[in-house]
Amino acid sequence: MLRMRTIKEAVAEIKEKDSKTAVTQYFLRQLVLSKKIPYVMSGGKYLINMDVLEDYLSGKLTIEENTSDSGSTRTGIPTKNYIRPVY
């Protein structure tokens, strides 16, 4: 089962594991807005897959640039364990 969390919940879960973490809500929001990690919108909230986030932060996940059939470029799509965006 996917562990989907809002940005606020994701930071709280990370802080629960490591109380001295430097990861903040602002940092995660910037990762989402710059499409460095995949996300799903639910209303006005960003939902993040915690497994993908942990892989990204540990350096296990690489992000590749994908091109659709129309030639437009989509970035921020990981090479493994990702939520497929619907365009």
N, C-alpha and C. Protein backbone atom coordinates (compact mmCIF):
# COMPACT_ATOMS: atom_id res chain seq x y z
N MET A 1 0.84 -1.19 0.00
CA MET A 1 0.00 0.00 0.00
C MET A 1 0.88 1.25 0.00
N LEU A 2 0.48 2.23 -0.77
CA LEU A 2 1.25 3.47 -0.85
C LEU A 2 1.11 4.28 0.43
N ARG A 3 2.20 4.83 0.86
CA ARG A 3 2.20 5.72 2.03
C ARG A 3 2.19 7.15 1.51
N MET A 4 1.01 7.66 1.19
CA MET A 4 0.85 9.01 0.67
C MET A 4 0.63 9.97 1.82
N ARG A 5 1.38 11.07 1.82
CA ARG A 5 1.29 12.06 2.89
C ARG A 5 1.26 13.46 2.28
N THR A 6 0.60 14.38 3.00
CA THR A 6 0.70 15.78 2.62
C THR A 6 2.12 16.24 2.99
N ILE A 7 2.48 17.42 2.55
CA ILE A 7 3.81 17.94 2.86
C ILE A 7 3.99 18.04 4.37
N LYS A 8 2.98 18.56 5.04
CA LYS A 8 3.06 18.72 6.50
C LYS A 8 3.20 17.36 7.19
N GLU A 9 2.42 16.38 6.77
CA GLU A 9 2.49 15.04 7.36
C GLU A 9 3.82 14.36 7.05
N ALA A 10 4.35 14.60 5.84
CA ALA A 10 5.64 14.01 5.46
C ALA A 10 6.75 14.53 6.36
N VAL A 11 6.76 15.83 6.60
CA VAL A 11 7.78 16.41 7.48
C VAL A 11 7.63 15.86 8.89
N ALA A 12 6.39 15.73 9.37
CA ALA A 12 6.15 15.20 10.72
C ALA A 12 6.67 13.76 10.83
N GLU A 13 6.44 12.96 9.78
CA GLU A 13 6.91 11.57 9.81
C GLU A 13 8.44 11.50 9.78
N ILE A 14 9.06 12.36 9.01
CA ILE A 14 10.53 12.39 8.95
C ILE A 14 11.09 12.83 10.30
N LYS A 15 10.47 13.86 10.90
CA LYS A 15 10.94 14.35 12.21
C LYS A 15 10.73 13.31 13.30
N GLU A 16 9.72 12.47 13.15
CA GLU A 16 9.47 11.39 14.11
C GLU A 16 10.63 10.38 14.09
N LYS A 17 11.15 10.12 12.90
CA LYS A 17 12.28 9.19 12.75
C LYS A 17 13.60 9.84 13.15
N ASP A 18 13.73 11.14 12.84
CA ASP A 18 14.98 11.87 13.11
C ASP A 18 14.63 13.27 13.60
N SER A 19 14.65 13.46 14.90
CA SER A 19 14.22 14.73 15.47
C SER A 19 15.12 15.91 15.09
N LYS A 20 16.34 15.64 14.65
CA LYS A 20 17.27 16.71 14.30
C LYS A 20 17.39 16.90 12.78
N THR A 21 16.41 16.42 12.03
CA THR A 21 16.47 16.54 10.58
C THR A 21 16.42 18.00 10.14
N ALA A 22 17.01 18.26 9.00
CA ALA A 22 16.99 19.61 8.43
C ALA A 22 15.89 19.75 7.38
N VAL A 23 15.13 18.69 7.14
CA VAL A 23 14.05 18.73 6.16
C VAL A 23 12.88 19.54 6.72
N THR A 24 12.43 20.51 5.93
CA THR A 24 11.34 21.39 6.34
C THR A 24 10.20 21.34 5.33
N GLN A 25 9.07 21.92 5.70
CA GLN A 25 7.95 22.00 4.77
C GLN A 25 8.34 22.82 3.54
N TYR A 26 9.06 23.88 3.74
CA TYR A 26 9.50 24.72 2.62
C TYR A 26 10.37 23.90 1.65
N PHE A 27 11.30 23.12 2.19
CA PHE A 27 12.19 22.30 1.36
C PHE A 27 11.39 21.30 0.52
N LEU A 28 10.44 20.59 1.15
CA LEU A 28 9.63 19.62 0.41
C LEU A 28 8.77 20.31 -0.64
N ARG A 29 8.20 21.46 -0.30
CA ARG A 29 7.38 22.20 -1.27
C ARG A 29 8.22 22.59 -2.48
N GLN A 30 9.47 22.99 -2.24
CA GLN A 30 10.35 23.36 -3.35
C GLN A 30 10.68 22.15 -4.23
N LEU A 31 10.85 20.97 -3.61
CA LEU A 31 11.08 19.75 -4.39
C LEU A 31 9.88 19.44 -5.28
N VAL A 32 8.69 19.63 -4.73
CA VAL A 32 7.46 19.37 -5.49
C VAL A 32 7.31 20.39 -6.61
N LEU A 33 7.44 21.66 -6.30
CA LEU A 33 7.23 22.71 -7.30
C LEU A 33 8.26 22.68 -8.42
N SER A 34 9.48 22.22 -8.10
CA SER A 34 10.51 22.11 -9.13
C SER A 34 10.47 20.75 -9.82
N LYS A 35 9.49 19.92 -9.46
CA LYS A 35 9.26 18.60 -10.04
C LYS A 35 10.44 17.66 -9.87
N LYS A 36 11.14 17.80 -8.76
CA LYS A 36 12.24 16.89 -8.46
C LYS A 36 11.72 15.60 -7.84
N ILE A 37 10.52 15.65 -7.25
CA ILE A 37 9.87 14.44 -6.76
C ILE A 37 8.44 14.42 -7.30
N PRO A 38 7.91 13.24 -7.60
CA PRO A 38 6.54 13.17 -8.11
C PRO A 38 5.53 13.43 -7.00
N TYR A 39 4.35 13.90 -7.38
CA TYR A 39 3.31 14.19 -6.41
C TYR A 39 1.95 14.02 -7.08
N VAL A 40 0.92 13.98 -6.28
CA VAL A 40 -0.46 13.93 -6.76
C VAL A 40 -1.20 15.07 -6.08
N MET A 41 -1.98 15.80 -6.84
CA MET A 41 -2.79 16.87 -6.26
C MET A 41 -4.11 16.27 -5.77
N SER A 42 -4.50 16.64 -4.56
CA SER A 42 -5.79 16.26 -4.00
C SER A 42 -6.42 17.54 -3.49
N GLY A 43 -7.32 18.08 -4.26
CA GLY A 43 -7.85 19.41 -3.95
C GLY A 43 -6.73 20.41 -4.12
N GLY A 44 -6.39 21.11 -3.05
CA GLY A 44 -5.29 22.06 -3.11
C GLY A 44 -4.04 21.56 -2.43
N LYS A 45 -4.02 20.26 -2.10
CA LYS A 45 -2.88 19.70 -1.36
C LYS A 45 -2.02 18.82 -2.25
N TYR A 46 -0.72 18.84 -1.98
CA TYR A 46 0.22 17.97 -2.67
C TYR A 46 0.37 16.70 -1.84
N LEU A 47 0.19 15.54 -2.46
CA LEU A 47 0.41 14.26 -1.79
C LEU A 47 1.69 13.66 -2.31
N ILE A 48 2.54 13.22 -1.39
CA ILE A 48 3.86 12.68 -1.72
C ILE A 48 3.92 11.23 -1.27
N ASN A 49 4.47 10.37 -2.12
CA ASN A 49 4.70 8.97 -1.76
C ASN A 49 5.95 8.94 -0.88
N MET A 50 5.80 8.50 0.37
CA MET A 50 6.91 8.52 1.33
C MET A 50 8.06 7.61 0.90
N ASP A 51 7.77 6.48 0.27
CA ASP A 51 8.83 5.58 -0.17
C ASP A 51 9.69 6.24 -1.24
N VAL A 52 9.04 6.93 -2.18
CA VAL A 52 9.78 7.64 -3.23
C VAL A 52 10.59 8.79 -2.62
N LEU A 53 9.98 9.52 -1.69
CA LEU A 53 10.68 10.63 -1.03
C LEU A 53 11.92 10.14 -0.29
N GLU A 54 11.79 9.05 0.45
CA GLU A 54 12.94 8.50 1.18
C GLU A 54 14.02 8.04 0.22
N ASP A 55 13.64 7.41 -0.90
CA ASP A 55 14.63 7.01 -1.90
C ASP A 55 15.34 8.23 -2.50
N TYR A 56 14.57 9.28 -2.78
CA TYR A 56 15.17 10.49 -3.35
C TYR A 56 16.15 11.12 -2.36
N LEU A 57 15.74 11.25 -1.11
CA LEU A 57 16.60 11.88 -0.11
C LEU A 57 17.84 11.06 0.19
N SER A 58 17.76 9.74 0.04
CA SER A 58 18.92 8.89 0.30
C SER A 58 19.81 8.73 -0.94
N GLY A 59 19.37 9.27 -2.07
CA GLY A 59 20.17 9.21 -3.29
C GLY A 59 19.95 7.94 -4.10
N LYS A 60 18.99 7.11 -3.73
CA LYS A 60 18.72 5.87 -4.45
C LYS A 60 17.87 6.09 -5.70
N LEU A 61 17.19 7.21 -5.78
CA LEU A 61 16.26 7.49 -6.87
C LEU A 61 16.84 8.55 -7.78
N THR A 62 16.83 8.28 -9.07
CA THR A 62 17.28 9.27 -10.03
C THR A 62 16.09 9.73 -10.84
N ILE A 63 16.10 10.97 -11.23
CA ILE A 63 15.01 11.56 -12.01
C ILE A 63 15.49 11.71 -13.44
N GLU A 64 14.65 11.27 -14.39
CA GLU A 64 15.01 11.41 -15.79
C GLU A 64 14.02 12.32 -16.48
N GLU A 65 14.44 12.87 -17.60
CA GLU A 65 13.58 13.75 -18.37
C GLU A 65 12.91 12.92 -19.43
N ASN A 66 11.58 12.99 -19.50
CA ASN A 66 10.81 12.22 -20.48
C ASN A 66 10.18 13.15 -21.49
N THR A 67 10.01 12.66 -22.72
CA THR A 67 9.37 13.44 -23.76
C THR A 67 8.13 12.70 -24.23
N SER A 68 7.02 13.40 -24.30
CA SER A 68 5.77 12.79 -24.76
C SER A 68 5.77 12.71 -26.28
N ASP A 69 4.72 12.10 -26.85
CA ASP A 69 4.61 11.96 -28.30
C ASP A 69 4.51 13.31 -29.00
N SER A 70 3.95 14.30 -28.31
CA SER A 70 3.78 15.61 -28.93
C SER A 70 5.08 16.41 -28.93
N GLY A 71 6.12 15.88 -28.29
CA GLY A 71 7.39 16.57 -28.26
C GLY A 71 7.58 17.45 -27.05
N SER A 72 6.53 17.61 -26.24
CA SER A 72 6.69 18.43 -25.04
C SER A 72 7.48 17.66 -24.00
N THR A 73 8.28 18.38 -23.23
CA THR A 73 9.15 17.75 -22.25
C THR A 73 8.49 17.74 -20.89
N ARG A 74 8.54 16.59 -20.22
CA ARG A 74 8.03 16.47 -18.86
C ARG A 74 9.20 16.06 -17.99
N THR A 75 9.46 16.80 -16.94
CA THR A 75 10.55 16.45 -16.03
C THR A 75 9.99 16.03 -14.70
N GLY A 76 10.84 15.46 -13.88
CA GLY A 76 10.43 15.08 -12.54
C GLY A 76 9.83 13.70 -12.46
N ILE A 77 10.04 12.86 -13.49
CA ILE A 77 9.50 11.52 -13.46
C ILE A 77 10.63 10.56 -13.11
N PRO A 78 10.53 9.89 -11.97
CA PRO A 78 11.61 9.00 -11.55
C PRO A 78 11.69 7.77 -12.44
N THR A 79 12.85 7.13 -12.42
CA THR A 79 13.06 5.96 -13.25
C THR A 79 12.49 4.69 -12.65
N LYS A 80 12.14 4.69 -11.37
CA LYS A 80 11.54 3.52 -10.75
C LYS A 80 10.64 3.95 -9.59
N ASN A 81 9.71 3.07 -9.22
CA ASN A 81 8.83 3.30 -8.07
C ASN A 81 8.20 4.68 -8.08
N TYR A 82 7.41 4.96 -9.10
CA TYR A 82 6.81 6.28 -9.16
C TYR A 82 5.31 6.20 -9.41
N ILE A 83 4.65 7.29 -9.14
CA ILE A 83 3.24 7.42 -9.44
C ILE A 83 3.17 8.04 -10.83
N ARG A 84 2.55 7.34 -11.76
CA ARG A 84 2.49 7.81 -13.13
C ARG A 84 1.58 9.01 -13.22
N PRO A 85 2.08 10.15 -13.73
CA PRO A 85 1.24 11.33 -13.87
C PRO A 85 0.24 11.14 -15.01
N VAL A 86 -0.93 11.70 -14.89
CA VAL A 86 -1.94 11.64 -15.94
C VAL A 86 -2.00 13.03 -16.56
N TYR A 87 -1.69 13.11 -17.85
CA TYR A 87 -1.70 14.39 -18.56
C TYR A 87 -2.86 14.46 -19.52
